[in-house]
C-alpha atoms as a PDB file:
ATOM      1  CA  MET A   1    -110.633 -25.678 133.750  1.00  0.00           C
ATOM      2  CA  ALA A   2    -111.153 -27.270 137.147  1.00  0.00           C
ATOM      3  CA  ALA A   3    -109.927 -30.819 137.750  1.00  0.00           C
ATOM      4  CA  PRO A   4    -112.685 -33.465 137.942  1.00  0.00           C
ATOM      5  CA  PRO A   5    -112.942 -35.441 141.214  1.00  0.00           C
ATOM      6  CA  GLU A   6    -111.663 -38.658 139.636  1.00  0.00           C
ATOM      7  CA  VAL A   7    -108.329 -36.998 138.857  1.00  0.00           C
ATOM      8  CA  THR A   8    -106.151 -37.427 141.960  1.00  0.00           C
ATOM      9  CA  THR A   9    -102.482 -37.804 142.832  1.00  0.00           C
ATOM     10  CA  LYS A  10    -102.887 -41.499 141.941  1.00  0.00           C
ATOM     11  CA  ASN A  11    -104.504 -40.590 138.631  1.00  0.00           C
ATOM     12  CA  LEU A  12    -102.721 -37.471 137.371  1.00  0.00           C
ATOM     13  CA  SER A  13    -102.675 -38.579 133.743  1.00  0.00           C
ATOM     14  CA  GLY A  14    -103.800 -35.726 131.537  1.00  0.00           C
ATOM     15  CA  LYS A  15    -102.809 -32.350 130.156  1.00  0.00           C
ATOM     16  CA  TRP A  16    -102.266 -29.381 132.429  1.00  0.00           C
ATOM     17  CA  VAL A  17    -101.530 -25.684 131.855  1.00  0.00           C
ATOM     18  CA  MET A  18    -100.112 -23.443 134.556  1.00  0.00           C
ATOM     19  CA  ASN A  19    -102.611 -20.829 135.692  1.00  0.00           C
ATOM     20  CA  LYS A  20    -100.382 -17.796 136.158  1.00  0.00           C
ATOM     21  CA  SER A  21    -103.107 -15.592 137.557  1.00  0.00           C
ATOM     22  CA  LEU A  22    -103.619 -18.014 140.478  1.00  0.00           C
ATOM     23  CA  SER A  23     -99.972 -19.069 140.905  1.00  0.00           C
ATOM     24  CA  ASP A  24     -97.429 -17.204 143.029  1.00  0.00           C
ATOM     25  CA  ASP A  25     -94.671 -15.245 141.340  1.00  0.00           C
ATOM     26  CA  VAL A  26     -91.599 -17.483 141.035  1.00  0.00           C
ATOM     27  CA  ASP A  27     -88.922 -14.971 139.969  1.00  0.00           C
ATOM     28  CA  ALA A  28     -87.203 -14.778 143.370  1.00  0.00           C
ATOM     29  CA  MET A  29     -87.303 -18.563 143.706  1.00  0.00           C
ATOM     30  CA  LEU A  30     -85.755 -19.066 140.265  1.00  0.00           C
ATOM     31  CA  ALA A  31     -83.075 -16.462 141.048  1.00  0.00           C
ATOM     32  CA  LEU A  32     -82.153 -18.423 144.192  1.00  0.00           C
ATOM     33  CA  GLN A  33     -81.749 -21.475 141.942  1.00  0.00           C
ATOM     34  CA  GLY A  34     -79.215 -19.543 139.881  1.00  0.00           C
ATOM     35  CA  LEU A  35     -81.245 -18.892 136.729  1.00  0.00           C
ATOM     36  CA  SER A  36     -80.247 -15.824 134.746  1.00  0.00           C
ATOM     37  CA  TRP A  37     -82.504 -12.792 134.344  1.00  0.00           C
ATOM     38  CA  PHE A  38     -82.984 -13.702 130.669  1.00  0.00           C
ATOM     39  CA  THR A  39     -84.134 -17.243 131.481  1.00  0.00           C
ATOM     40  CA  ARG A  40     -86.405 -16.017 134.278  1.00  0.00           C
ATOM     41  CA  LYS A  41     -87.968 -13.464 131.945  1.00  0.00           C
ATOM     42  CA  ALA A  42     -88.551 -16.121 129.286  1.00  0.00           C
ATOM     43  CA  ILE A  43     -90.224 -18.372 131.855  1.00  0.00           C
ATOM     44  CA  SER A  44     -92.448 -15.528 133.047  1.00  0.00           C
ATOM     45  CA  LEU A  45     -93.692 -14.991 129.493  1.00  0.00           C
ATOM     46  CA  ALA A  46     -94.034 -18.653 128.532  1.00  0.00           C
ATOM     47  CA  THR A  47     -97.148 -20.801 128.539  1.00  0.00           C
ATOM     48  CA  VAL A  48     -96.207 -23.860 130.587  1.00  0.00           C
ATOM     49  CA  VAL A  49     -97.920 -27.109 129.541  1.00  0.00           C
ATOM     50  CA  LEU A  50     -97.501 -30.437 131.349  1.00  0.00           C
ATOM     51  CA  THR A  51     -98.365 -33.786 129.814  1.00  0.00           C
ATOM     52  CA  ILE A  52     -98.521 -36.306 132.660  1.00  0.00           C
ATOM     53  CA  LYS A  53     -98.717 -40.074 132.388  1.00  0.00           C
ATOM     54  CA  GLU A  54     -99.165 -41.880 135.709  1.00  0.00           C
ATOM     55  CA  TYR A  55     -99.222 -45.664 135.924  1.00  0.00           C
ATOM     56  CA  GLU A  56     -98.344 -48.563 138.214  1.00  0.00           C
ATOM     57  CA  LYS A  57     -95.488 -50.872 137.275  1.00  0.00           C
ATOM     58  CA  GLU A  58     -93.642 -53.456 139.376  1.00  0.00           C
ATOM     59  CA  SER A  59     -95.613 -52.452 142.502  1.00  0.00           C
ATOM     60  CA  PHE A  60     -94.653 -48.769 142.265  1.00  0.00           C
ATOM     61  CA  TYR A  61     -96.372 -45.738 140.821  1.00  0.00           C
ATOM     62  CA  HIS A  62     -94.558 -43.871 138.065  1.00  0.00           C
ATOM     63  CA  VAL A  63     -95.220 -40.281 137.025  1.00  0.00           C
ATOM     64  CA  ASP A  64     -93.749 -39.341 133.637  1.00  0.00           C
ATOM     65  CA  ILE A  65     -93.925 -35.620 132.905  1.00  0.00           C
ATOM     66  CA  THR A  66     -93.223 -33.831 129.642  1.00  0.00           C
ATOM     67  CA  SER A  67     -92.977 -30.097 130.257  1.00  0.00           C
ATOM     68  CA  VAL A  68     -93.242 -27.634 127.382  1.00  0.00           C
ATOM     69  CA  ALA A  69     -92.709 -23.915 127.917  1.00  0.00           C
ATOM     70  CA  SER A  70     -93.286 -21.843 124.792  1.00  0.00           C
ATOM     71  CA  GLY A  71     -89.989 -20.380 123.607  1.00  0.00           C
ATOM     72  CA  LEU A  72     -87.932 -22.693 125.850  1.00  0.00           C
ATOM     73  CA  SER A  73     -86.727 -26.278 125.699  1.00  0.00           C
ATOM     74  CA  THR A  74     -89.003 -29.251 126.242  1.00  0.00           C
ATOM     75  CA  THR A  75     -87.981 -31.238 129.309  1.00  0.00           C
ATOM     76  CA  GLN A  76     -88.768 -34.798 130.389  1.00  0.00           C
ATOM     77  CA  GLU A  77     -88.863 -35.871 134.018  1.00  0.00           C
ATOM     78  CA  ASP A  78     -89.842 -39.390 135.039  1.00  0.00           C
ATOM     79  CA  ARG A  79     -90.461 -40.021 138.733  1.00  0.00           C
ATOM     80  CA  THR A  80     -90.856 -43.302 140.605  1.00  0.00           C
ATOM     81  CA  ILE A  81     -92.780 -42.927 143.858  1.00  0.00           C
ATOM     82  CA  ASP A  82     -90.553 -45.181 145.964  1.00  0.00           C
ATOM     83  CA  TRP A  83     -88.325 -42.693 147.849  1.00  0.00           C
ATOM     84  CA  THR A  84     -85.215 -43.906 146.019  1.00  0.00           C
ATOM     85  CA  GLU A  85     -82.721 -41.244 145.002  1.00  0.00           C
ATOM     86  CA  ARG A  86     -82.094 -40.942 141.267  1.00  0.00           C
ATOM     87  CA  ASP A  87     -80.069 -38.662 139.005  1.00  0.00           C
ATOM     88  CA  HIS A  88     -81.776 -36.273 136.612  1.00  0.00           C
ATOM     89  CA  ALA A  89     -80.268 -33.847 134.089  1.00  0.00           C
ATOM     90  CA  ASP A  90     -82.460 -30.845 133.316  1.00  0.00           C
ATOM     91  CA  ARG A  91     -81.808 -28.296 130.573  1.00  0.00           C
ATOM     92  CA  ILE A  92     -82.915 -25.431 132.804  1.00  0.00           C
ATOM     93  CA  PHE A  93     -82.161 -26.538 136.368  1.00  0.00           C
ATOM     94  CA  GLY A  94     -78.991 -28.551 135.747  1.00  0.00           C
ATOM     95  CA  ASN A  95     -77.982 -31.849 137.342  1.00  0.00           C
ATOM     96  CA  VAL A  96     -79.993 -32.918 140.370  1.00  0.00           C
ATOM     97  CA  LYS A  97     -80.542 -35.910 142.606  1.00  0.00           C
ATOM     98  CA  GLY A  98     -84.138 -36.424 143.611  1.00  0.00           C
ATOM     99  CA  LYS A  99     -86.683 -38.764 145.175  1.00  0.00           C
ATOM    100  CA  SER A 100     -90.455 -38.896 145.661  1.00  0.00           C
ATOM    101  CA  ARG A 101     -92.909 -40.607 148.016  1.00  0.00           C
ATOM    102  CA  TRP A 102     -96.508 -40.675 149.178  1.00  0.00           C
ATOM    103  CA  TRP A 103     -97.725 -39.065 152.367  1.00  0.00           C
ATOM    104  CA  LYS A 104    -101.136 -38.918 153.964  1.00  0.00           C
ATOM    105  CA  THR A 105    -102.732 -35.943 155.674  1.00  0.00           C
ATOM    106  CA  GLY A 106    -101.289 -35.710 159.177  1.00  0.00           C
ATOM    107  CA  SER A 107     -98.089 -37.642 158.409  1.00  0.00           C
ATOM    108  CA  PHE A 108     -95.914 -35.137 156.513  1.00  0.00           C
ATOM    109  CA  GLU A 109     -92.198 -35.021 157.377  1.00  0.00           C
ATOM    110  CA  LYS A 110     -90.409 -31.900 156.127  1.00  0.00           C
ATOM    111  CA  ILE A 111     -86.837 -32.195 154.856  1.00  0.00           C
ATOM    112  CA  THR A 112     -85.918 -28.568 154.135  1.00  0.00           C
ATOM    113  CA  PRO A 113     -84.226 -26.890 157.126  1.00  0.00           C
ATOM    114  CA  GLY A 114     -86.245 -24.047 158.591  1.00  0.00           C
ATOM    115  CA  GLY A 115     -89.108 -23.228 160.884  1.00  0.00           C
ATOM    116  CA  GLU A 116     -92.643 -24.516 161.209  1.00  0.00           C
ATOM    117  CA  GLU A 117     -93.906 -21.865 158.789  1.00  0.00           C
ATOM    118  CA  LEU A 118     -92.315 -23.837 155.961  1.00  0.00           C
ATOM    119  CA  ALA A 119     -94.030 -27.044 157.044  1.00  0.00           C
ATOM    120  CA  VAL A 120     -97.362 -25.223 157.356  1.00  0.00           C
ATOM    121  CA  PHE A 121     -96.982 -23.945 153.790  1.00  0.00           C
ATOM    122  CA  LEU A 122     -95.911 -27.323 152.410  1.00  0.00           C
ATOM    123  CA  ARG A 123     -98.834 -29.039 154.140  1.00  0.00           C
ATOM    124  CA  ALA A 124    -101.084 -26.501 152.379  1.00  0.00           C
ATOM    125  CA  GLU A 125    -102.464 -25.179 155.659  1.00  0.00           C
ATOM    126  CA  LYS A 126    -101.565 -21.562 154.825  1.00  0.00           C
ATOM    127  CA  LEU A 127    -100.796 -19.556 151.711  1.00  0.00           C
ATOM    128  CA  LYS A 128     -97.431 -17.903 151.145  1.00  0.00           C
ATOM    129  CA  ASP A 129     -98.452 -14.921 153.276  1.00  0.00           C
ATOM    130  CA  GLY A 130     -98.563 -17.203 156.323  1.00  0.00           C
ATOM    131  CA  LYS A 131    -102.022 -15.893 157.263  1.00  0.00           C
ATOM    132  CA  THR A 132    -104.604 -17.076 154.734  1.00  0.00           C
ATOM    133  CA  ASP A 133    -106.031 -20.526 155.454  1.00  0.00           C
ATOM    134  CA  SER A 134    -105.956 -23.252 152.800  1.00  0.00           C
ATOM    135  CA  LYS A 135    -105.915 -27.049 152.639  1.00  0.00           C
ATOM    136  CA  PHE A 136    -105.390 -30.077 150.444  1.00  0.00           C
ATOM    137  CA  LEU A 137    -108.707 -31.661 149.536  1.00  0.00           C
ATOM    138  CA  ASP A 138    -107.685 -35.316 149.319  1.00  0.00           C
ATOM    139  CA  ASP A 139    -105.945 -37.565 151.829  1.00  0.00           C
ATOM    140  CA  GLU A 140    -102.949 -38.741 149.749  1.00  0.00           C
ATOM    141  CA  HIS A 141    -100.282 -36.436 148.369  1.00  0.00           C
ATOM    142  CA  ILE A 142     -96.865 -36.657 146.706  1.00  0.00           C
ATOM    143  CA  GLN A 143     -93.712 -35.273 148.303  1.00  0.00           C
ATOM    144  CA  SER A 144     -90.714 -34.656 146.086  1.00  0.00           C
ATOM    145  CA  TRP A 145     -87.223 -33.595 147.114  1.00  0.00           C
ATOM    146  CA  ALA A 146     -84.322 -32.659 144.852  1.00  0.00           C
ATOM    147  CA  LYS A 147     -80.827 -31.233 145.321  1.00  0.00           C
ATOM    148  CA  ASN A 148     -78.701 -29.592 142.667  1.00  0.00           C
ATOM    149  CA  VAL A 149     -75.245 -31.209 142.424  1.00  0.00           C
ATOM    150  CA  ASP A 150     -73.593 -28.838 139.955  1.00  0.00           C
ATOM    151  CA  SER A 151     -70.548 -26.851 141.001  1.00  0.00           C
ATOM    152  CA  GLY A 152     -71.841 -23.551 142.338  1.00  0.00           C
ATOM    153  CA  GLY A 153     -75.375 -24.905 142.651  1.00  0.00           C
ATOM    154  CA  GLY A 154     -76.124 -26.067 146.154  1.00  0.00           C
ATOM    155  CA  TRP A 155     -79.863 -25.429 146.259  1.00  0.00           C
ATOM    156  CA  SER A 156     -82.504 -27.915 147.309  1.00  0.00           C
ATOM    157  CA  ALA A 157     -86.197 -27.942 146.409  1.00  0.00           C
ATOM    158  CA  GLU A 158     -89.008 -29.651 148.290  1.00  0.00           C
ATOM    159  CA  GLN A 159     -92.458 -30.004 146.735  1.00  0.00           C
ATOM    160  CA  ASN A 160     -95.849 -31.318 147.748  1.00  0.00           C
ATOM    161  CA  TRP A 161     -98.435 -32.089 145.090  1.00  0.00           C
ATOM    162  CA  GLY A 162    -102.134 -32.193 145.809  1.00  0.00           C
ATOM    163  CA  PHE A 163    -105.502 -30.638 145.023  1.00  0.00           C
ATOM    164  CA  GLU A 164    -106.963 -27.475 146.496  1.00  0.00           C
ATOM    165  CA  GLU A 165    -110.204 -25.560 146.197  1.00  0.00           C
ATOM    166  CA  ILE A 166    -109.622 -22.057 144.822  1.00  0.00           C
ATOM    167  CA  ASP A 167    -112.511 -19.704 144.105  1.00  0.00           C
ATOM    168  CA  GLY A 168    -114.879 -22.644 144.443  1.00  0.00           C
ATOM    169  CA  LYS A 169    -113.040 -24.829 141.910  1.00  0.00           C
ATOM    170  CA  ARG A 170    -110.775 -27.854 142.322  1.00  0.00           C
ATOM    171  CA  TYR A 171    -107.197 -27.364 141.078  1.00  0.00           C
ATOM    172  CA  TYR A 172    -104.003 -29.404 140.969  1.00  0.00           C
ATOM    173  CA  THR A 173    -101.337 -27.495 142.920  1.00  0.00           C
ATOM    174  CA  ARG A 174     -97.679 -27.777 143.770  1.00  0.00           C
ATOM    175  CA  ARG A 175     -96.298 -26.278 146.971  1.00  0.00           C
ATOM    176  CA  ILE A 176     -92.571 -25.579 146.491  1.00  0.00           C
ATOM    177  CA  VAL A 177     -89.868 -24.466 148.925  1.00  0.00           C
ATOM    178  CA  VAL A 178     -86.339 -23.769 147.640  1.00  0.00           C
ATOM    179  CA  GLU A 179     -83.404 -23.383 150.046  1.00  0.00           C
ATOM    180  CA  LYS A 180     -79.815 -22.313 149.430  1.00  0.00           C
ATOM    181  CA  GLY A 181     -77.276 -21.149 151.969  1.00  0.00           C
ATOM    182  CA  GLY A 182     -79.912 -20.484 154.593  1.00  0.00           C
ATOM    183  CA  LYS A 183     -82.072 -18.419 152.235  1.00  0.00           C
ATOM    184  CA  VAL A 184     -85.567 -19.697 151.433  1.00  0.00           C
ATOM    185  CA  GLN A 185     -88.164 -18.909 148.769  1.00  0.00           C
ATOM    186  CA  MET A 186     -91.577 -20.515 148.433  1.00  0.00           C
ATOM    187  CA  ALA A 187     -94.383 -20.554 145.872  1.00  0.00           C
ATOM    188  CA  ARG A 188     -97.653 -22.286 145.093  1.00  0.00           C
ATOM    189  CA  LEU A 189     -98.179 -23.242 141.459  1.00  0.00           C
ATOM    190  CA  VAL A 190    -101.724 -23.833 140.208  1.00  0.00           C
ATOM    191  CA  TYR A 191    -102.639 -25.832 137.093  1.00  0.00           C
ATOM    192  CA  ASN A 192    -105.716 -25.912 134.885  1.00  0.00           C
ATOM    193  CA  TYR A 193    -106.842 -29.358 133.752  1.00  0.00           C
ATOM    194  CA  THR A 194    -107.282 -29.311 129.974  1.00  0.00           C
ATOM    195  CA  GLY A 195    -108.262 -32.902 129.272  1.00  0.00           C
ATOM    196  CA  LYS A 196    -107.394 -36.557 129.082  1.00  0.00           C
ATOM    197  CA  LEU A 197    -104.502 -38.078 127.185  1.00  0.00           C
ATOM    198  CA  ASP A 198    -104.912 -39.925 123.925  1.00  0.00           C
ATOM    199  CA  ASP A 199    -104.784 -43.366 125.568  1.00  0.00           C
ATOM    200  CA  LYS A 200    -103.705 -45.311 122.470  1.00  0.00           C
ATOM    201  CA  LYS A 201    -100.939 -42.849 121.613  1.00  0.00           C
ATOM    202  CA  GLU A 202     -99.693 -42.784 125.193  1.00  0.00           C
ATOM    203  CA  GLU A 203     -99.650 -46.585 125.372  1.00  0.00           C
ATOM    204  CA  ASP A 204     -97.579 -46.720 122.178  1.00  0.00           C
ATOM    205  CA  ASP A 205     -95.184 -44.094 123.554  1.00  0.00           C
ATOM    206  CA  GLN A 206     -94.906 -46.039 126.816  1.00  0.00           C
ATOM    207  CA  ASP A 207     -93.975 -49.234 124.923  1.00  0.00           C
ATOM    208  CA  LEU A 208     -91.253 -47.382 123.037  1.00  0.00           C
ATOM    209  CA  ALA A 209     -89.932 -45.749 126.188  1.00  0.00           C
ATOM    210  CA  TYR A 210     -89.464 -49.072 127.948  1.00  0.00           C
ATOM    211  CA  GLY A 211     -88.278 -51.082 124.981  1.00  0.00           C
ATOM    212  CA  GLU A 212     -91.321 -53.328 124.697  1.00  0.00           C
ATOM    213  CA  GLU A 213     -92.500 -54.714 121.387  1.00  0.00           C
END
């Protein structure tokens, strides 16, 4: 299902399912991140569902994401869009330090080492093939950067989140570039919008999460 126009990077709250037919293959990228063949195979077969709650608190936007992949563990990742580095422990990707911020069209600053082709991909100006034109539809986007800090890890991942038109429909996408030891893999992930959250339930969950009564 296409994303309605009112759903933007400042209003991502809702339920999303990865559209595998429109997304790039991620096996090589996951291998670079050190995931085993078994885990990569399980991910390739899984239905990936994101439940996203975005809200403003203490002058900053927060994006809380519950990720469920059928047959794999549920993971929780809560981001604050303030470009402050925070620790995160992930059952699949290990221990990472990450940060997120806004950027507007024309003002993107790439972090991952590498040539302009990486920046062009992350800015959504070209697809992975480096030839096919594309673009983000809106003016504001989210940049996320993370680095694995486990022994033997050493990879970094840079993402840009936005909305793109694909086959005449508006989709939420993530442009991802992973780098390790000078090797780079990239992929675009595409998500179907499947509906709004249950507002009352999410408000109750939010109160519990932050210790409010």
